[in-house]
Amino acid sequence: MNGDPVAPWVPWIFSYFLVLFRVSFFLLFMPLVGTIVPFTIKAAMSLVLSLILVFTLPQPLSPPAEVYQALLLLAPEALLGFSLALLLRFIFAGIQLGGELVGMQIGFGMAQVIDPVTGVQAPVLAQLTYVLAFLLFLVFNLHHPFFWALGEGLRHLPPGSLSLRPELFFWLVSKGVSVFVIALKILAPRLAFMFLVQLALGVVSRFVPQINIMIVSFPLTVGLGLLFFGLALVLVPKVLSPALAQAISWFPAIFRGFGG
């Protein structure tokens, strides 16, 4: 009943479930982790990480009197976790798009594999670039700032204090342009190289018309394209690191969008 005293552990349990929603949605929509990692492992990661983060709260939140009020508190928590994961998805979507366009330019548009993130077919070079970027993301501990953002978000925006502002959604949509910027950075050097190859083949076909340039160009384009693609993989960390730094600089805007 409303007049009964609340046990001291009840606010902590309620706060834990709110934190769990925020963390779970971040891990659910995080690139690769949301689809490759088995559900039991994701659930265990969410439970343990939420248990660690709940003790960073300034104070626990007492559950409201009505059930629907408690349910309304879950939606902003889920959206905050999703928004942080969305920033990561923008970056890796741009890297994957750049790899896909490179594959089409080389002639690997028909060589496709199953994309583990979306479950649909994707060019093999796009998947290679994507997986390489994600491995670098983990090896260099670039995921730590995003987990730090979850902890800082709990300090500055504890559960129950979140409110949604309409401009936040327009701001997130505007940041979607970063997908094409990152794709262009991945694509530009390879595109320039392939343009020079095609230009050289065009010159050869004009000066030596006896050569069947259609037969010669395909293996030459694929071979040189794969060679330069392998050499240009060193550009992936040079693109990934500034993009993640920019995404980290967007964290305060995310928090302001959910602030009261």
C-alpha atoms as a PDB file:
ATOM      1  CA  MET A   1       0.000   0.000   0.000  1.00  0.00           C
ATOM      2  CA  ASN A   2       0.999   3.626  -0.475  1.00  0.00           C
ATOM      3  CA  GLY A   3       1.317   4.222   3.231  1.00  0.00           C
ATOM      4  CA  ASP A   4       3.657   1.288   3.832  1.00  0.00           C
ATOM      5  CA  PRO A   5       7.353   2.095   4.184  1.00  0.00           C
ATOM      6  CA  VAL A   6       9.493   1.116   1.195  1.00  0.00           C
ATOM      7  CA  ALA A   7      12.300  -1.356   1.827  1.00  0.00           C
ATOM      8  CA  PRO A   8      15.730   0.241   1.294  1.00  0.00           C
ATOM      9  CA  TRP A   9      16.653  -2.244  -1.433  1.00  0.00           C
ATOM     10  CA  VAL A  10      13.552  -1.587  -3.571  1.00  0.00           C
ATOM     11  CA  PRO A  11      14.842   1.714  -5.072  1.00  0.00           C
ATOM     12  CA  TRP A  12      18.108   0.014  -5.988  1.00  0.00           C
ATOM     13  CA  ILE A  13      16.296  -2.844  -7.702  1.00  0.00           C
ATOM     14  CA  PHE A  14      14.111  -0.401  -9.639  1.00  0.00           C
ATOM     15  CA  SER A  15      17.120   1.715 -10.609  1.00  0.00           C
ATOM     16  CA  TYR A  16      18.936  -1.428 -11.696  1.00  0.00           C
ATOM     17  CA  PHE A  17      16.180  -2.307 -14.160  1.00  0.00           C
ATOM     18  CA  LEU A  18      16.270   1.216 -15.617  1.00  0.00           C
ATOM     19  CA  VAL A  19      20.033   1.013 -16.042  1.00  0.00           C
ATOM     20  CA  LEU A  20      19.616  -2.445 -17.544  1.00  0.00           C
ATOM     21  CA  PHE A  21      17.323  -1.031 -20.232  1.00  0.00           C
ATOM     22  CA  ARG A  22      19.848   1.651 -21.144  1.00  0.00           C
ATOM     23  CA  VAL A  23      22.770  -0.781 -21.326  1.00  0.00           C
ATOM     24  CA  SER A  24      20.806  -3.530 -23.086  1.00  0.00           C
ATOM     25  CA  PHE A  25      19.690  -1.291 -25.933  1.00  0.00           C
ATOM     26  CA  PHE A  26      23.239  -0.048 -26.397  1.00  0.00           C
ATOM     27  CA  LEU A  27      24.604  -3.596 -26.649  1.00  0.00           C
ATOM     28  CA  LEU A  28      21.652  -4.758 -28.755  1.00  0.00           C
ATOM     29  CA  PHE A  29      22.252  -2.176 -31.491  1.00  0.00           C
ATOM     30  CA  MET A  30      26.039  -2.032 -31.214  1.00  0.00           C
ATOM     31  CA  PRO A  31      27.654  -3.127 -34.532  1.00  0.00           C
ATOM     32  CA  LEU A  32      28.375  -6.867 -34.783  1.00  0.00           C
ATOM     33  CA  VAL A  33      27.808  -7.430 -31.054  1.00  0.00           C
ATOM     34  CA  GLY A  34      24.082  -6.991 -31.554  1.00  0.00           C
ATOM     35  CA  THR A  35      23.889  -9.820 -34.093  1.00  0.00           C
ATOM     36  CA  ILE A  36      26.971 -12.040 -33.882  1.00  0.00           C
ATOM     37  CA  VAL A  37      27.189 -12.519 -30.113  1.00  0.00           C
ATOM     38  CA  PRO A  38      24.724 -15.152 -28.836  1.00  0.00           C
ATOM     39  CA  PHE A  39      21.753 -13.890 -26.878  1.00  0.00           C
ATOM     40  CA  THR A  40      22.838 -15.553 -23.631  1.00  0.00           C
ATOM     41  CA  ILE A  41      26.224 -13.801 -23.732  1.00  0.00           C
ATOM     42  CA  LYS A  42      24.603 -10.452 -24.541  1.00  0.00           C
ATOM     43  CA  ALA A  43      22.194 -10.941 -21.644  1.00  0.00           C
ATOM     44  CA  ALA A  44      25.053 -11.807 -19.287  1.00  0.00           C
ATOM     45  CA  MET A  45      27.050  -8.768 -20.458  1.00  0.00           C
ATOM     46  CA  SER A  46      24.056  -6.502 -19.913  1.00  0.00           C
ATOM     47  CA  LEU A  47      23.329  -7.891 -16.447  1.00  0.00           C
ATOM     48  CA  VAL A  48      26.933  -7.644 -15.237  1.00  0.00           C
ATOM     49  CA  LEU A  49      27.613  -4.221 -16.767  1.00  0.00           C
ATOM     50  CA  SER A  50      24.364  -2.839 -15.363  1.00  0.00           C
ATOM     51  CA  LEU A  51      25.227  -4.206 -11.930  1.00  0.00           C
ATOM     52  CA  ILE A  52      28.552  -2.362 -12.068  1.00  0.00           C
ATOM     53  CA  LEU A  53      27.089   0.903 -13.343  1.00  0.00           C
ATOM     54  CA  VAL A  54      24.119   1.086 -11.000  1.00  0.00           C
ATOM     55  CA  PHE A  55      26.427   1.845  -8.087  1.00  0.00           C
ATOM     56  CA  THR A  56      27.684   4.973  -9.865  1.00  0.00           C
ATOM     57  CA  LEU A  57      24.275   6.591  -9.374  1.00  0.00           C
ATOM     58  CA  PRO A  58      24.170   9.532  -6.957  1.00  0.00           C
ATOM     59  CA  GLN A  59      21.124   7.963  -5.340  1.00  0.00           C
ATOM     60  CA  PRO A  60      18.591   5.302  -6.309  1.00  0.00           C
ATOM     61  CA  LEU A  61      15.183   6.165  -7.722  1.00  0.00           C
ATOM     62  CA  SER A  62      12.090   5.111  -5.834  1.00  0.00           C
ATOM     63  CA  PRO A  63       9.508   3.329  -8.006  1.00  0.00           C
ATOM     64  CA  PRO A  64       6.388   5.362  -8.838  1.00  0.00           C
ATOM     65  CA  ALA A  65       3.012   4.433  -7.412  1.00  0.00           C
ATOM     66  CA  GLU A  66       1.489   3.459 -10.772  1.00  0.00           C
ATOM     67  CA  VAL A  67       2.758   0.787 -13.146  1.00  0.00           C
ATOM     68  CA  TYR A  68       2.257   2.903 -16.274  1.00  0.00           C
ATOM     69  CA  GLN A  69       4.493   5.610 -14.800  1.00  0.00           C
ATOM     70  CA  ALA A  70       7.260   3.058 -14.385  1.00  0.00           C
ATOM     71  CA  LEU A  71       6.801   1.911 -17.983  1.00  0.00           C
ATOM     72  CA  LEU A  72       7.038   5.503 -19.233  1.00  0.00           C
ATOM     73  CA  LEU A  73      10.452   5.774 -17.587  1.00  0.00           C
ATOM     74  CA  LEU A  74      11.761   2.860 -19.656  1.00  0.00           C
ATOM     75  CA  ALA A  75      11.324   4.510 -23.081  1.00  0.00           C
ATOM     76  CA  PRO A  76      13.875   7.354 -22.609  1.00  0.00           C
ATOM     77  CA  GLU A  77      16.388   4.887 -21.153  1.00  0.00           C
ATOM     78  CA  ALA A  78      16.064   2.648 -24.194  1.00  0.00           C
ATOM     79  CA  LEU A  79      16.341   5.604 -26.586  1.00  0.00           C
ATOM     80  CA  LEU A  80      19.494   6.894 -24.909  1.00  0.00           C
ATOM     81  CA  GLY A  81      21.210   3.530 -25.260  1.00  0.00           C
ATOM     82  CA  PHE A  82      20.039   3.302 -28.863  1.00  0.00           C
ATOM     83  CA  SER A  83      21.324   6.828 -29.631  1.00  0.00           C
ATOM     84  CA  LEU A  84      24.824   6.008 -28.388  1.00  0.00           C
ATOM     85  CA  ALA A  85      24.867   2.813 -30.449  1.00  0.00           C
ATOM     86  CA  LEU A  86      23.560   4.722 -33.474  1.00  0.00           C
ATOM     87  CA  LEU A  87      26.666   6.922 -33.498  1.00  0.00           C
ATOM     88  CA  LEU A  88      28.760   3.766 -33.791  1.00  0.00           C
ATOM     89  CA  ARG A  89      26.535   2.416 -36.540  1.00  0.00           C
ATOM     90  CA  PHE A  90      27.001   5.602 -38.560  1.00  0.00           C
ATOM     91  CA  ILE A  91      30.771   5.071 -38.538  1.00  0.00           C
ATOM     92  CA  PHE A  92      30.769   1.397 -39.449  1.00  0.00           C
ATOM     93  CA  ALA A  93      28.030   1.863 -42.038  1.00  0.00           C
ATOM     94  CA  GLY A  94      30.232   4.467 -43.736  1.00  0.00           C
ATOM     95  CA  ILE A  95      33.215   2.091 -43.723  1.00  0.00           C
ATOM     96  CA  GLN A  96      31.080  -0.716 -45.128  1.00  0.00           C
ATOM     97  CA  LEU A  97      29.607   1.548 -47.818  1.00  0.00           C
ATOM     98  CA  GLY A  98      33.092   2.651 -48.861  1.00  0.00           C
ATOM     99  CA  GLY A  99      34.238  -0.968 -49.134  1.00  0.00           C
ATOM    100  CA  GLU A 100      31.129  -1.853 -51.147  1.00  0.00           C
ATOM    101  CA  LEU A 101      31.742   0.932 -53.663  1.00  0.00           C
ATOM    102  CA  VAL A 102      35.389  -0.091 -53.973  1.00  0.00           C
ATOM    103  CA  GLY A 103      34.343  -3.668 -54.685  1.00  0.00           C
ATOM    104  CA  MET A 104      31.948  -2.527 -57.393  1.00  0.00           C
ATOM    105  CA  GLN A 105      34.680  -0.381 -58.959  1.00  0.00           C
ATOM    106  CA  ILE A 106      37.125  -3.288 -59.020  1.00  0.00           C
ATOM    107  CA  GLY A 107      34.564  -5.704 -60.433  1.00  0.00           C
ATOM    108  CA  PHE A 108      33.628  -7.661 -57.315  1.00  0.00           C
ATOM    109  CA  GLY A 109      30.040  -6.435 -57.242  1.00  0.00           C
ATOM    110  CA  MET A 110      28.744  -9.978 -57.806  1.00  0.00           C
ATOM    111  CA  ALA A 111      31.062 -11.615 -55.243  1.00  0.00           C
ATOM    112  CA  GLN A 112      28.897 -11.441 -52.156  1.00  0.00           C
ATOM    113  CA  VAL A 113      28.686 -13.003 -48.710  1.00  0.00           C
ATOM    114  CA  ILE A 114      26.074 -12.918 -45.967  1.00  0.00           C
ATOM    115  CA  ASP A 115      26.313  -9.730 -43.918  1.00  0.00           C
ATOM    116  CA  PRO A 116      26.278 -10.830 -40.238  1.00  0.00           C
ATOM    117  CA  VAL A 117      24.824  -7.481 -39.165  1.00  0.00           C
ATOM    118  CA  THR A 118      21.800  -7.263 -41.457  1.00  0.00           C
ATOM    119  CA  GLY A 119      21.506 -10.903 -42.542  1.00  0.00           C
ATOM    120  CA  VAL A 120      21.465  -9.985 -46.246  1.00  0.00           C
ATOM    121  CA  GLN A 121      24.084 -10.419 -48.960  1.00  0.00           C
ATOM    122  CA  ALA A 122      26.860  -7.828 -49.149  1.00  0.00           C
ATOM    123  CA  PRO A 123      29.996  -7.513 -51.326  1.00  0.00           C
ATOM    124  CA  VAL A 124      32.916  -9.481 -49.961  1.00  0.00           C
ATOM    125  CA  LEU A 125      35.297  -6.497 -49.938  1.00  0.00           C
ATOM    126  CA  ALA A 126      32.763  -4.474 -47.967  1.00  0.00           C
ATOM    127  CA  GLN A 127      32.641  -7.205 -45.336  1.00  0.00           C
ATOM    128  CA  LEU A 128      36.437  -7.449 -45.244  1.00  0.00           C
ATOM    129  CA  THR A 129      36.765  -3.705 -44.637  1.00  0.00           C
ATOM    130  CA  TYR A 130      33.976  -3.785 -42.062  1.00  0.00           C
ATOM    131  CA  VAL A 131      35.406  -6.683 -40.052  1.00  0.00           C
ATOM    132  CA  LEU A 132      38.919  -5.193 -40.177  1.00  0.00           C
ATOM    133  CA  ALA A 133      37.603  -1.882 -38.852  1.00  0.00           C
ATOM    134  CA  PHE A 134      35.735  -3.637 -36.041  1.00  0.00           C
ATOM    135  CA  LEU A 135      38.817  -5.649 -35.057  1.00  0.00           C
ATOM    136  CA  LEU A 136      40.850  -2.441 -34.900  1.00  0.00           C
ATOM    137  CA  PHE A 137      38.025  -0.913 -32.874  1.00  0.00           C
ATOM    138  CA  LEU A 138      38.414  -3.671 -30.269  1.00  0.00           C
ATOM    139  CA  VAL A 139      42.206  -4.103 -30.404  1.00  0.00           C
ATOM    140  CA  PHE A 140      42.913  -0.418 -29.753  1.00  0.00           C
ATOM    141  CA  ASN A 141      40.244  -0.238 -27.013  1.00  0.00           C
ATOM    142  CA  LEU A 142      38.243   2.345 -28.952  1.00  0.00           C
ATOM    143  CA  HIS A 143      35.083   0.930 -27.417  1.00  0.00           C
ATOM    144  CA  HIS A 144      36.088   2.153 -23.963  1.00  0.00           C
ATOM    145  CA  PRO A 145      34.874   5.767 -24.503  1.00  0.00           C
ATOM    146  CA  PHE A 146      31.402   4.492 -25.353  1.00  0.00           C
ATOM    147  CA  PHE A 147      31.177   2.467 -22.142  1.00  0.00           C
ATOM    148  CA  TRP A 148      32.588   5.477 -20.318  1.00  0.00           C
ATOM    149  CA  ALA A 149      29.757   7.511 -21.842  1.00  0.00           C
ATOM    150  CA  LEU A 150      27.258   5.089 -20.327  1.00  0.00           C
ATOM    151  CA  GLY A 151      28.794   5.637 -16.887  1.00  0.00           C
ATOM    152  CA  GLU A 152      29.020   9.413 -17.282  1.00  0.00           C
ATOM    153  CA  GLY A 153      25.449   9.476 -18.545  1.00  0.00           C
ATOM    154  CA  LEU A 154      24.307   7.809 -15.348  1.00  0.00           C
ATOM    155  CA  ARG A 155      26.095  10.447 -13.287  1.00  0.00           C
ATOM    156  CA  HIS A 156      24.746  13.451 -15.190  1.00  0.00           C
ATOM    157  CA  LEU A 157      21.439  11.914 -16.311  1.00  0.00           C
ATOM    158  CA  PRO A 158      20.413   9.355 -13.696  1.00  0.00           C
ATOM    159  CA  PRO A 159      17.384   7.159 -14.403  1.00  0.00           C
ATOM    160  CA  GLY A 160      14.117   9.000 -14.066  1.00  0.00           C
ATOM    161  CA  SER A 161      15.556  12.395 -15.053  1.00  0.00           C
ATOM    162  CA  LEU A 162      15.461  11.899 -18.830  1.00  0.00           C
ATOM    163  CA  SER A 163      13.144  13.899 -21.065  1.00  0.00           C
ATOM    164  CA  LEU A 164      13.040  13.835 -24.852  1.00  0.00           C
ATOM    165  CA  ARG A 165      13.473  16.991 -26.917  1.00  0.00           C
ATOM    166  CA  PRO A 166      12.245  17.047 -30.543  1.00  0.00           C
ATOM    167  CA  GLU A 167      15.424  18.674 -31.821  1.00  0.00           C
ATOM    168  CA  LEU A 168      17.381  15.604 -30.725  1.00  0.00           C
ATOM    169  CA  PHE A 169      15.812  13.492 -33.461  1.00  0.00           C
ATOM    170  CA  PHE A 170      16.591  16.085 -36.145  1.00  0.00           C
ATOM    171  CA  TRP A 171      20.138  16.308 -34.813  1.00  0.00           C
ATOM    172  CA  LEU A 172      20.609  12.528 -35.075  1.00  0.00           C
ATOM    173  CA  VAL A 173      19.271  12.529 -38.635  1.00  0.00           C
ATOM    174  CA  SER A 174      21.652  15.348 -39.583  1.00  0.00           C
ATOM    175  CA  LYS A 175      24.611  13.284 -38.340  1.00  0.00           C
ATOM    176  CA  GLY A 176      23.712  10.571 -40.822  1.00  0.00           C
ATOM    177  CA  VAL A 177      25.725  12.489 -43.414  1.00  0.00           C
ATOM    178  CA  SER A 178      28.839  11.156 -41.675  1.00  0.00           C
ATOM    179  CA  VAL A 179      28.116   7.792 -43.339  1.00  0.00           C
ATOM    180  CA  PHE A 180      28.797   9.269 -46.779  1.00  0.00           C
ATOM    181  CA  VAL A 181      31.768  11.344 -45.581  1.00  0.00           C
ATOM    182  CA  ILE A 182      33.492   8.257 -44.173  1.00  0.00           C
ATOM    183  CA  ALA A 183      32.621   6.244 -47.298  1.00  0.00           C
ATOM    184  CA  LEU A 184      34.189   8.942 -49.479  1.00  0.00           C
ATOM    185  CA  LYS A 185      37.383   8.914 -47.415  1.00  0.00           C
ATOM    186  CA  ILE A 186      37.613   5.139 -47.834  1.00  0.00           C
ATOM    187  CA  LEU A 187      36.710   5.254 -51.529  1.00  0.00           C
ATOM    188  CA  ALA A 188      38.586   8.315 -52.818  1.00  0.00           C
ATOM    189  CA  PRO A 189      42.184   6.955 -53.097  1.00  0.00           C
ATOM    190  CA  ARG A 190      41.035   3.650 -54.574  1.00  0.00           C
ATOM    191  CA  LEU A 191      38.695   5.431 -56.971  1.00  0.00           C
ATOM    192  CA  ALA A 192      41.509   7.675 -58.162  1.00  0.00           C
ATOM    193  CA  PHE A 193      43.783   4.667 -58.719  1.00  0.00           C
ATOM    194  CA  MET A 194      41.126   2.746 -60.657  1.00  0.00           C
ATOM    195  CA  PHE A 195      40.421   5.835 -62.751  1.00  0.00           C
ATOM    196  CA  LEU A 196      44.086   5.962 -63.745  1.00  0.00           C
ATOM    197  CA  VAL A 197      44.007   2.252 -64.629  1.00  0.00           C
ATOM    198  CA  GLN A 198      40.933   2.714 -66.794  1.00  0.00           C
ATOM    199  CA  LEU A 199      42.513   5.777 -68.393  1.00  0.00           C
ATOM    200  CA  ALA A 200      45.661   3.814 -69.216  1.00  0.00           C
ATOM    201  CA  LEU A 201      43.597   0.997 -70.724  1.00  0.00           C
ATOM    202  CA  GLY A 202      41.716   3.529 -72.842  1.00  0.00           C
ATOM    203  CA  VAL A 203      44.969   4.967 -74.152  1.00  0.00           C
ATOM    204  CA  VAL A 204      46.267   1.482 -74.981  1.00  0.00           C
ATOM    205  CA  SER A 205      43.063   0.624 -76.850  1.00  0.00           C
ATOM    206  CA  ARG A 206      43.463   3.753 -78.981  1.00  0.00           C
ATOM    207  CA  PHE A 207      47.128   3.231 -79.843  1.00  0.00           C
ATOM    208  CA  VAL A 208      46.998  -0.585 -80.179  1.00  0.00           C
ATOM    209  CA  PRO A 209      43.534  -1.399 -81.506  1.00  0.00           C
ATOM    210  CA  GLN A 210      44.594  -4.997 -82.245  1.00  0.00           C
ATOM    211  CA  ILE A 211      44.438  -5.786 -78.522  1.00  0.00           C
ATOM    212  CA  ASN A 212      41.056  -6.986 -77.292  1.00  0.00           C
ATOM    213  CA  ILE A 213      40.934  -4.540 -74.399  1.00  0.00           C
ATOM    214  CA  MET A 214      37.737  -6.067 -72.970  1.00  0.00           C
ATOM    215  CA  ILE A 215      39.468  -9.395 -72.366  1.00  0.00           C
ATOM    216  CA  VAL A 216      42.659  -7.822 -71.030  1.00  0.00           C
ATOM    217  CA  SER A 217      41.009  -5.216 -68.828  1.00  0.00           C
ATOM    218  CA  PHE A 218      38.996  -7.527 -66.570  1.00  0.00           C
ATOM    219  CA  PRO A 219      41.846  -9.598 -65.029  1.00  0.00           C
ATOM    220  CA  LEU A 220      44.117  -6.552 -65.020  1.00  0.00           C
ATOM    221  CA  THR A 221      41.510  -4.425 -63.248  1.00  0.00           C
ATOM    222  CA  VAL A 222      40.804  -7.131 -60.680  1.00  0.00           C
ATOM    223  CA  GLY A 223      44.480  -7.850 -60.035  1.00  0.00           C
ATOM    224  CA  LEU A 224      45.592  -4.236 -59.713  1.00  0.00           C
ATOM    225  CA  GLY A 225      42.441  -3.360 -57.807  1.00  0.00           C
ATOM    226  CA  LEU A 226      43.014  -6.090 -55.210  1.00  0.00           C
ATOM    227  CA  LEU A 227      46.690  -5.153 -54.926  1.00  0.00           C
ATOM    228  CA  PHE A 228      45.908  -1.498 -54.277  1.00  0.00           C
ATOM    229  CA  PHE A 229      42.989  -2.461 -52.033  1.00  0.00           C
ATOM    230  CA  GLY A 230      45.373  -4.419 -49.819  1.00  0.00           C
ATOM    231  CA  LEU A 231      47.880  -1.567 -49.767  1.00  0.00           C
ATOM    232  CA  ALA A 232      45.156   0.977 -49.003  1.00  0.00           C
ATOM    233  CA  LEU A 233      43.877  -0.960 -45.980  1.00  0.00           C
ATOM    234  CA  VAL A 234      46.358   1.064 -43.936  1.00  0.00           C
ATOM    235  CA  LEU A 235      43.970   3.991 -44.445  1.00  0.00           C
ATOM    236  CA  VAL A 236      41.215   2.272 -42.433  1.00  0.00           C
ATOM    237  CA  PRO A 237      42.646   3.142 -38.987  1.00  0.00           C
ATOM    238  CA  LYS A 238      43.426   6.663 -40.224  1.00  0.00           C
ATOM    239  CA  VAL A 239      39.753   7.080 -41.102  1.00  0.00           C
ATOM    240  CA  LEU A 240      38.361   5.151 -38.132  1.00  0.00           C
ATOM    241  CA  SER A 241      40.219   7.017 -35.389  1.00  0.00           C
ATOM    242  CA  PRO A 242      39.120  10.592 -36.339  1.00  0.00           C
ATOM    243  CA  ALA A 243      35.562   9.383 -36.979  1.00  0.00           C
ATOM    244  CA  LEU A 244      35.348   7.858 -33.504  1.00  0.00           C
ATOM    245  CA  ALA A 245      36.876  10.983 -31.974  1.00  0.00           C
ATOM    246  CA  GLN A 246      34.177  13.018 -33.687  1.00  0.00           C
ATOM    247  CA  ALA A 247      31.482  10.636 -32.433  1.00  0.00           C
ATOM    248  CA  ILE A 248      32.822  10.982 -28.885  1.00  0.00           C
ATOM    249  CA  SER A 249      32.607  14.769 -29.219  1.00  0.00           C
ATOM    250  CA  TRP A 250      28.888  14.325 -29.929  1.00  0.00           C
ATOM    251  CA  PHE A 251      28.216  12.774 -26.514  1.00  0.00           C
ATOM    252  CA  PRO A 252      27.468  16.113 -24.778  1.00  0.00           C
ATOM    253  CA  ALA A 253      24.886  16.923 -27.454  1.00  0.00           C
ATOM    254  CA  ILE A 254      23.232  13.546 -26.847  1.00  0.00           C
ATOM    255  CA  PHE A 255      23.094  14.202 -23.124  1.00  0.00           C
ATOM    256  CA  ARG A 256      21.693  17.679 -23.645  1.00  0.00           C
ATOM    257  CA  GLY A 257      19.007  16.235 -25.874  1.00  0.00           C
ATOM    258  CA  PHE A 258      17.879  13.948 -23.060  1.00  0.00           C
ATOM    259  CA  GLY A 259      18.376  16.503 -20.306  1.00  0.00           C
ATOM    260  CA  GLY A 260      15.476  18.006 -18.457  1.00  0.00           C
END
